[in-house]
Amino acid sequence: MVPHSLLLEKLMRYGLDKWSMRWVGNWLTGCTQRVVVNSSFSNWQPVRSRVPQGLGPTLFNAILSDLDDWIKCTLMKFADDTKLSGEVDTSEGRATLQEDLDRLEEWANKNLMKFNKDECKVLHLGKHNPGVQHRLG
């Protein structure tokens, strides 16, 4: 879930014209929803993460477009999956990978997002890989 104000701020930085910004802003604000289960209704609540039909991937890309700024290792992004890889056969390589993990955590905090740390895994490759531990957060 991304705060609407952050999404609009990023779209403005990418040069979206004022009419398009107004359209997206209007689409995102003032909507409410409720849940119905077996004829029982919840209270109306504001919608905090609404995306115009068909624009989901575009807006998602706008949000993530600066994720790899300042990253030195290889960063691969696909939908909601992110992979960071690098050679760690030297102390410099290991330090660079950890620094990039720290940068990703800073980006997530700045953008009010979180990585699912339960799904974060380290894959060690190579016969003589020392299996150095890295951390996110």
N, C-alpha and C. Protein backbone atom coordinates (compact mmCIF):
# COMPACT_ATOMS: atom_id res chain seq x y z
N MET A 1 0.85 -1.17 0.00
CA MET A 1 0.00 0.00 0.00
C MET A 1 0.90 1.24 0.00
N VAL A 2 0.58 2.17 -0.87
CA VAL A 2 1.39 3.38 -1.01
C VAL A 2 0.51 4.58 -0.70
N PRO A 3 0.98 5.48 0.15
CA PRO A 3 0.21 6.69 0.42
C PRO A 3 -0.04 7.46 -0.88
N HIS A 4 -1.27 7.89 -1.07
CA HIS A 4 -1.62 8.60 -2.30
C HIS A 4 -0.77 9.85 -2.51
N SER A 5 -0.45 10.55 -1.42
CA SER A 5 0.36 11.77 -1.56
C SER A 5 1.73 11.45 -2.13
N LEU A 6 2.32 10.32 -1.73
CA LEU A 6 3.62 9.92 -2.26
C LEU A 6 3.52 9.58 -3.74
N LEU A 7 2.48 8.87 -4.12
CA LEU A 7 2.28 8.53 -5.52
C LEU A 7 2.13 9.79 -6.36
N LEU A 8 1.33 10.73 -5.93
CA LEU A 8 1.13 11.97 -6.69
C LEU A 8 2.42 12.78 -6.77
N GLU A 9 3.20 12.79 -5.69
CA GLU A 9 4.48 13.49 -5.69
C GLU A 9 5.43 12.90 -6.73
N LYS A 10 5.49 11.58 -6.80
CA LYS A 10 6.36 10.94 -7.78
C LYS A 10 5.88 11.19 -9.21
N LEU A 11 4.58 11.14 -9.43
CA LEU A 11 4.04 11.41 -10.77
C LEU A 11 4.35 12.84 -11.20
N MET A 12 4.30 13.78 -10.25
CA MET A 12 4.62 15.17 -10.56
C MET A 12 6.09 15.30 -10.98
N ARG A 13 6.98 14.57 -10.28
CA ARG A 13 8.39 14.61 -10.62
C ARG A 13 8.66 14.10 -12.03
N TYR A 14 7.80 13.19 -12.51
CA TYR A 14 8.00 12.63 -13.84
C TYR A 14 7.33 13.46 -14.92
N GLY A 15 6.80 14.62 -14.56
CA GLY A 15 6.30 15.56 -15.55
C GLY A 15 4.88 15.33 -16.00
N LEU A 16 4.07 14.63 -15.22
CA LEU A 16 2.67 14.45 -15.58
C LEU A 16 2.00 15.82 -15.60
N ASP A 17 1.23 16.11 -16.65
CA ASP A 17 0.61 17.44 -16.77
C ASP A 17 -0.46 17.63 -15.69
N LYS A 18 -0.83 18.89 -15.46
CA LYS A 18 -1.72 19.20 -14.33
C LYS A 18 -3.09 18.56 -14.47
N TRP A 19 -3.58 18.38 -15.70
CA TRP A 19 -4.90 17.77 -15.88
C TRP A 19 -4.86 16.28 -15.53
N SER A 20 -3.79 15.63 -15.93
CA SER A 20 -3.65 14.20 -15.59
C SER A 20 -3.45 14.03 -14.09
N MET A 21 -2.68 14.94 -13.48
CA MET A 21 -2.48 14.88 -12.03
C MET A 21 -3.83 15.05 -11.32
N ARG A 22 -4.63 15.97 -11.79
CA ARG A 22 -5.95 16.21 -11.18
C ARG A 22 -6.83 14.97 -11.33
N TRP A 23 -6.79 14.35 -12.53
CA TRP A 23 -7.60 13.17 -12.76
C TRP A 23 -7.20 12.03 -11.82
N VAL A 24 -5.89 11.76 -11.72
CA VAL A 24 -5.42 10.70 -10.82
C VAL A 24 -5.75 11.06 -9.38
N GLY A 25 -5.52 12.32 -8.99
CA GLY A 25 -5.82 12.75 -7.63
C GLY A 25 -7.29 12.59 -7.28
N ASN A 26 -8.17 12.98 -8.21
CA ASN A 26 -9.61 12.83 -7.98
C ASN A 26 -10.00 11.37 -7.88
N TRP A 27 -9.37 10.54 -8.68
CA TRP A 27 -9.68 9.11 -8.65
C TRP A 27 -9.28 8.50 -7.31
N LEU A 28 -8.20 8.99 -6.74
CA LEU A 28 -7.67 8.39 -5.52
C LEU A 28 -8.34 8.90 -4.24
N THR A 29 -8.98 10.05 -4.28
CA THR A 29 -9.49 10.65 -3.05
C THR A 29 -11.00 10.52 -2.92
N GLY A 30 -11.43 10.51 -1.70
CA GLY A 30 -12.85 10.57 -1.39
C GLY A 30 -13.63 9.28 -1.58
N CYS A 31 -12.96 8.16 -1.82
CA CYS A 31 -13.67 6.90 -2.01
C CYS A 31 -13.78 6.16 -0.68
N THR A 32 -14.89 5.46 -0.52
CA THR A 32 -15.09 4.65 0.68
C THR A 32 -15.50 3.24 0.25
N GLN A 33 -15.37 2.31 1.19
CA GLN A 33 -15.77 0.94 0.92
C GLN A 33 -16.24 0.30 2.22
N ARG A 34 -16.97 -0.80 2.08
CA ARG A 34 -17.34 -1.60 3.24
C ARG A 34 -17.39 -3.06 2.83
N VAL A 35 -17.41 -3.93 3.81
CA VAL A 35 -17.42 -5.36 3.57
C VAL A 35 -18.79 -5.90 3.97
N VAL A 36 -19.30 -6.82 3.15
CA VAL A 36 -20.57 -7.47 3.44
C VAL A 36 -20.32 -8.97 3.53
N VAL A 37 -20.70 -9.56 4.67
CA VAL A 37 -20.58 -11.01 4.86
C VAL A 37 -21.90 -11.51 5.44
N ASN A 38 -22.53 -12.42 4.72
CA ASN A 38 -23.81 -12.99 5.18
C ASN A 38 -24.80 -11.91 5.61
N SER A 39 -24.96 -10.93 4.80
CA SER A 39 -25.90 -9.82 5.03
C SER A 39 -25.52 -8.92 6.20
N SER A 40 -24.32 -9.07 6.75
CA SER A 40 -23.82 -8.17 7.78
C SER A 40 -22.88 -7.17 7.12
N PHE A 41 -23.07 -5.90 7.43
CA PHE A 41 -22.31 -4.83 6.79
C PHE A 41 -21.33 -4.21 7.78
N SER A 42 -20.10 -4.00 7.32
CA SER A 42 -19.14 -3.26 8.14
C SER A 42 -19.42 -1.77 7.98
N ASN A 43 -18.74 -0.95 8.77
CA ASN A 43 -18.83 0.50 8.62
C ASN A 43 -18.08 0.91 7.36
N TRP A 44 -18.49 2.03 6.77
CA TRP A 44 -17.79 2.57 5.61
C TRP A 44 -16.42 3.08 6.05
N GLN A 45 -15.40 2.77 5.28
CA GLN A 45 -14.04 3.17 5.59
C GLN A 45 -13.43 3.82 4.35
N PRO A 46 -12.51 4.79 4.55
CA PRO A 46 -11.85 5.39 3.39
C PRO A 46 -10.97 4.37 2.68
N VAL A 47 -10.93 4.47 1.36
CA VAL A 47 -10.06 3.60 0.56
C VAL A 47 -8.69 4.25 0.52
N ARG A 48 -7.68 3.52 0.95
CA ARG A 48 -6.33 4.09 1.02
C ARG A 48 -5.45 3.65 -0.14
N SER A 49 -5.86 2.65 -0.88
CA SER A 49 -5.02 2.21 -1.98
C SER A 49 -5.90 1.84 -3.18
N ARG A 50 -6.28 2.84 -3.91
CA ARG A 50 -7.12 2.64 -5.08
C ARG A 50 -6.32 3.01 -6.31
N VAL A 51 -6.41 2.20 -7.33
CA VAL A 51 -5.68 2.46 -8.57
C VAL A 51 -6.67 2.42 -9.72
N PRO A 52 -6.65 3.42 -10.61
CA PRO A 52 -7.54 3.42 -11.77
C PRO A 52 -7.35 2.16 -12.61
N GLN A 53 -8.46 1.61 -13.09
CA GLN A 53 -8.44 0.39 -13.90
C GLN A 53 -7.41 0.50 -15.03
N GLY A 54 -6.55 -0.48 -15.12
CA GLY A 54 -5.56 -0.53 -16.19
C GLY A 54 -4.29 0.26 -15.93
N LEU A 55 -4.28 1.11 -14.90
CA LEU A 55 -3.10 1.92 -14.62
C LEU A 55 -2.22 1.32 -13.53
N GLY A 56 -2.64 0.21 -12.94
CA GLY A 56 -1.88 -0.39 -11.85
C GLY A 56 -0.41 -0.57 -12.17
N PRO A 57 -0.06 -1.29 -13.28
CA PRO A 57 1.36 -1.48 -13.59
C PRO A 57 2.11 -0.17 -13.82
N THR A 58 1.46 0.79 -14.46
CA THR A 58 2.11 2.08 -14.74
C THR A 58 2.41 2.82 -13.44
N LEU A 59 1.44 2.88 -12.55
CA LEU A 59 1.64 3.57 -11.28
C LEU A 59 2.65 2.81 -10.41
N PHE A 60 2.60 1.49 -10.45
CA PHE A 60 3.56 0.68 -9.70
C PHE A 60 4.98 0.98 -10.18
N ASN A 61 5.16 1.06 -11.50
CA ASN A 61 6.48 1.38 -12.04
C ASN A 61 6.92 2.79 -11.65
N ALA A 62 5.99 3.73 -11.58
CA ALA A 62 6.34 5.09 -11.17
C ALA A 62 6.83 5.09 -9.73
N ILE A 63 6.20 4.30 -8.89
CA ILE A 63 6.61 4.23 -7.49
C ILE A 63 8.00 3.61 -7.36
N LEU A 64 8.26 2.55 -8.12
CA LEU A 64 9.52 1.83 -7.99
C LEU A 64 10.65 2.37 -8.86
N SER A 65 10.39 3.36 -9.67
CA SER A 65 11.37 3.79 -10.67
C SER A 65 12.69 4.25 -10.06
N ASP A 66 12.67 4.78 -8.85
CA ASP A 66 13.91 5.24 -8.24
C ASP A 66 14.48 4.24 -7.23
N LEU A 67 13.94 3.03 -7.22
CA LEU A 67 14.41 2.01 -6.27
C LEU A 67 15.88 1.69 -6.48
N ASP A 68 16.33 1.67 -7.73
CA ASP A 68 17.72 1.29 -7.99
C ASP A 68 18.69 2.46 -8.09
N ASP A 69 18.24 3.65 -7.76
CA ASP A 69 19.18 4.79 -7.69
C ASP A 69 20.21 4.48 -6.60
N TRP A 70 21.45 4.70 -6.88
CA TRP A 70 22.57 4.53 -5.96
C TRP A 70 22.89 3.07 -5.65
N ILE A 71 22.25 2.13 -6.33
CA ILE A 71 22.55 0.71 -6.11
C ILE A 71 23.72 0.33 -7.02
N LYS A 72 24.73 -0.31 -6.44
CA LYS A 72 25.93 -0.69 -7.21
C LYS A 72 25.86 -2.12 -7.73
N CYS A 73 25.17 -3.00 -7.01
CA CYS A 73 25.04 -4.39 -7.45
C CYS A 73 23.94 -4.47 -8.51
N THR A 74 23.61 -5.67 -8.93
CA THR A 74 22.55 -5.88 -9.92
C THR A 74 21.22 -5.99 -9.20
N LEU A 75 20.25 -5.16 -9.61
CA LEU A 75 18.92 -5.19 -9.00
C LEU A 75 17.93 -5.55 -10.09
N MET A 76 17.15 -6.58 -9.84
CA MET A 76 16.12 -7.01 -10.79
C MET A 76 14.75 -6.81 -10.14
N LYS A 77 13.85 -6.16 -10.88
CA LYS A 77 12.50 -5.89 -10.37
C LYS A 77 11.50 -6.53 -11.32
N PHE A 78 10.56 -7.27 -10.76
CA PHE A 78 9.47 -7.82 -11.54
C PHE A 78 8.25 -7.89 -10.65
N ALA A 79 7.21 -7.15 -11.03
CA ALA A 79 5.99 -7.08 -10.24
C ALA A 79 6.35 -6.77 -8.79
N ASP A 80 6.00 -7.65 -7.86
CA ASP A 80 6.32 -7.38 -6.45
C ASP A 80 7.52 -8.19 -5.98
N ASP A 81 8.37 -8.57 -6.91
CA ASP A 81 9.54 -9.38 -6.59
C ASP A 81 10.80 -8.58 -6.91
N THR A 82 11.71 -8.50 -5.98
CA THR A 82 12.97 -7.77 -6.16
C THR A 82 14.13 -8.69 -5.81
N LYS A 83 15.13 -8.72 -6.68
CA LYS A 83 16.31 -9.53 -6.43
C LYS A 83 17.55 -8.65 -6.54
N LEU A 84 18.41 -8.77 -5.55
CA LEU A 84 19.68 -8.06 -5.54
C LEU A 84 20.78 -9.11 -5.61
N SER A 85 21.73 -8.92 -6.53
CA SER A 85 22.80 -9.90 -6.65
C SER A 85 24.13 -9.20 -6.88
N GLY A 86 25.18 -9.87 -6.46
CA GLY A 86 26.51 -9.33 -6.65
C GLY A 86 27.55 -10.38 -6.31
N GLU A 87 28.76 -10.13 -6.76
CA GLU A 87 29.87 -11.03 -6.46
C GLU A 87 30.41 -10.70 -5.07
N VAL A 88 30.54 -11.72 -4.25
CA VAL A 88 30.97 -11.50 -2.88
C VAL A 88 32.22 -12.32 -2.56
N ASP A 89 33.06 -12.50 -3.59
CA ASP A 89 34.27 -13.28 -3.37
C ASP A 89 35.41 -12.45 -2.79
N THR A 90 35.15 -11.14 -2.59
CA THR A 90 36.13 -10.27 -1.93
C THR A 90 35.44 -9.54 -0.79
N SER A 91 36.23 -8.99 0.10
CA SER A 91 35.62 -8.23 1.21
C SER A 91 34.92 -6.99 0.67
N GLU A 92 35.46 -6.39 -0.42
CA GLU A 92 34.81 -5.21 -1.03
C GLU A 92 33.45 -5.59 -1.60
N GLY A 93 33.38 -6.74 -2.28
CA GLY A 93 32.12 -7.20 -2.85
C GLY A 93 31.08 -7.47 -1.78
N ARG A 94 31.50 -8.08 -0.68
CA ARG A 94 30.58 -8.35 0.43
C ARG A 94 30.08 -7.04 1.04
N ALA A 95 30.98 -6.08 1.20
CA ALA A 95 30.60 -4.78 1.77
C ALA A 95 29.63 -4.05 0.84
N THR A 96 29.89 -4.11 -0.47
CA THR A 96 29.01 -3.43 -1.44
C THR A 96 27.61 -4.02 -1.40
N LEU A 97 27.51 -5.35 -1.34
CA LEU A 97 26.19 -5.97 -1.28
C LEU A 97 25.45 -5.55 -0.02
N GLN A 98 26.13 -5.53 1.12
CA GLN A 98 25.46 -5.11 2.36
C GLN A 98 25.07 -3.64 2.31
N GLU A 99 25.92 -2.80 1.74
CA GLU A 99 25.59 -1.37 1.60
C GLU A 99 24.34 -1.20 0.73
N ASP A 100 24.23 -1.99 -0.34
CA ASP A 100 23.05 -1.91 -1.19
C ASP A 100 21.80 -2.39 -0.46
N LEU A 101 21.92 -3.42 0.35
CA LEU A 101 20.78 -3.86 1.17
C LEU A 101 20.35 -2.73 2.12
N ASP A 102 21.32 -2.04 2.70
CA ASP A 102 21.02 -0.91 3.58
C ASP A 102 20.32 0.21 2.80
N ARG A 103 20.78 0.46 1.57
CA ARG A 103 20.15 1.50 0.74
C ARG A 103 18.71 1.13 0.40
N LEU A 104 18.46 -0.15 0.11
CA LEU A 104 17.10 -0.58 -0.17
C LEU A 104 16.19 -0.38 1.04
N GLU A 105 16.72 -0.66 2.21
CA GLU A 105 15.94 -0.45 3.44
C GLU A 105 15.65 1.04 3.65
N GLU A 106 16.63 1.89 3.39
CA GLU A 106 16.43 3.34 3.50
C GLU A 106 15.35 3.80 2.52
N TRP A 107 15.40 3.27 1.27
CA TRP A 107 14.41 3.63 0.26
C TRP A 107 13.01 3.24 0.74
N ALA A 108 12.88 2.03 1.27
CA ALA A 108 11.59 1.55 1.75
C ALA A 108 11.06 2.44 2.87
N ASN A 109 11.91 2.81 3.81
CA ASN A 109 11.48 3.68 4.90
C ASN A 109 11.06 5.04 4.38
N LYS A 110 11.84 5.61 3.47
CA LYS A 110 11.54 6.92 2.89
C LYS A 110 10.21 6.91 2.13
N ASN A 111 9.91 5.79 1.48
CA ASN A 111 8.70 5.67 0.68
C ASN A 111 7.54 5.01 1.42
N LEU A 112 7.71 4.88 2.74
CA LEU A 112 6.66 4.34 3.61
C LEU A 112 6.22 2.96 3.15
N MET A 113 7.18 2.16 2.71
CA MET A 113 6.91 0.79 2.26
C MET A 113 7.78 -0.16 3.08
N LYS A 114 7.47 -1.44 2.98
CA LYS A 114 8.23 -2.45 3.71
C LYS A 114 8.52 -3.63 2.79
N PHE A 115 9.70 -4.21 2.97
CA PHE A 115 9.99 -5.48 2.33
C PHE A 115 9.49 -6.57 3.25
N ASN A 116 9.01 -7.65 2.68
CA ASN A 116 8.59 -8.79 3.49
C ASN A 116 9.84 -9.59 3.85
N LYS A 117 10.37 -9.31 5.01
CA LYS A 117 11.65 -9.92 5.42
C LYS A 117 11.53 -11.43 5.61
N ASP A 118 10.31 -11.94 5.84
CA ASP A 118 10.13 -13.38 5.95
C ASP A 118 10.39 -14.08 4.62
N GLU A 119 10.23 -13.35 3.54
CA GLU A 119 10.46 -13.93 2.21
C GLU A 119 11.84 -13.61 1.66
N CYS A 120 12.65 -12.89 2.40
CA CYS A 120 14.01 -12.56 1.94
C CYS A 120 14.92 -13.75 2.18
N LYS A 121 15.64 -14.14 1.16
CA LYS A 121 16.54 -15.28 1.24
C LYS A 121 17.88 -14.92 0.63
N VAL A 122 18.94 -15.55 1.11
CA VAL A 122 20.27 -15.40 0.54
C VAL A 122 20.61 -16.70 -0.15
N LEU A 123 21.03 -16.61 -1.40
CA LEU A 123 21.43 -17.77 -2.16
C LEU A 123 22.93 -17.71 -2.37
N HIS A 124 23.62 -18.68 -1.82
CA HIS A 124 25.08 -18.75 -1.95
C HIS A 124 25.43 -19.70 -3.09
N LEU A 125 26.21 -19.22 -4.04
CA LEU A 125 26.63 -20.04 -5.18
C LEU A 125 28.14 -20.19 -5.18
N GLY A 126 28.64 -21.28 -5.75
CA GLY A 126 30.07 -21.48 -5.89
C GLY A 126 30.59 -22.52 -4.91
N LYS A 127 31.65 -23.22 -5.34
CA LYS A 127 32.24 -24.28 -4.51
C LYS A 127 32.84 -23.75 -3.21
N HIS A 128 33.51 -22.62 -3.30
CA HIS A 128 34.25 -22.11 -2.15
C HIS A 128 33.59 -20.87 -1.55
N ASN A 129 32.29 -20.76 -1.74
CA ASN A 129 31.57 -19.61 -1.21
C ASN A 129 31.59 -19.67 0.31
N PRO A 130 32.03 -18.59 0.96
CA PRO A 130 32.14 -18.61 2.43
C PRO A 130 30.79 -18.52 3.14
N GLY A 131 29.69 -18.28 2.40
CA GLY A 131 28.38 -18.23 3.05
C GLY A 131 28.23 -17.07 4.00
N VAL A 132 28.76 -15.91 3.62
CA VAL A 132 28.70 -14.71 4.46
C VAL A 132 27.24 -14.34 4.69
N GLN A 133 26.92 -13.95 5.91
CA GLN A 133 25.56 -13.54 6.24
C GLN A 133 25.35 -12.07 5.90
N HIS A 134 24.25 -11.79 5.21
CA HIS A 134 23.84 -10.42 4.91
C HIS A 134 22.49 -10.19 5.57
N ARG A 135 22.14 -8.95 5.76
CA ARG A 135 20.88 -8.64 6.44
C ARG A 135 20.18 -7.47 5.75
N LEU A 136 18.87 -7.50 5.83
CA LEU A 136 18.03 -6.40 5.37
C LEU A 136 17.41 -5.79 6.60
N GLY A 137 17.76 -4.55 6.86
CA GLY A 137 17.25 -3.88 8.05
C GLY A 137 18.10 -4.13 9.27
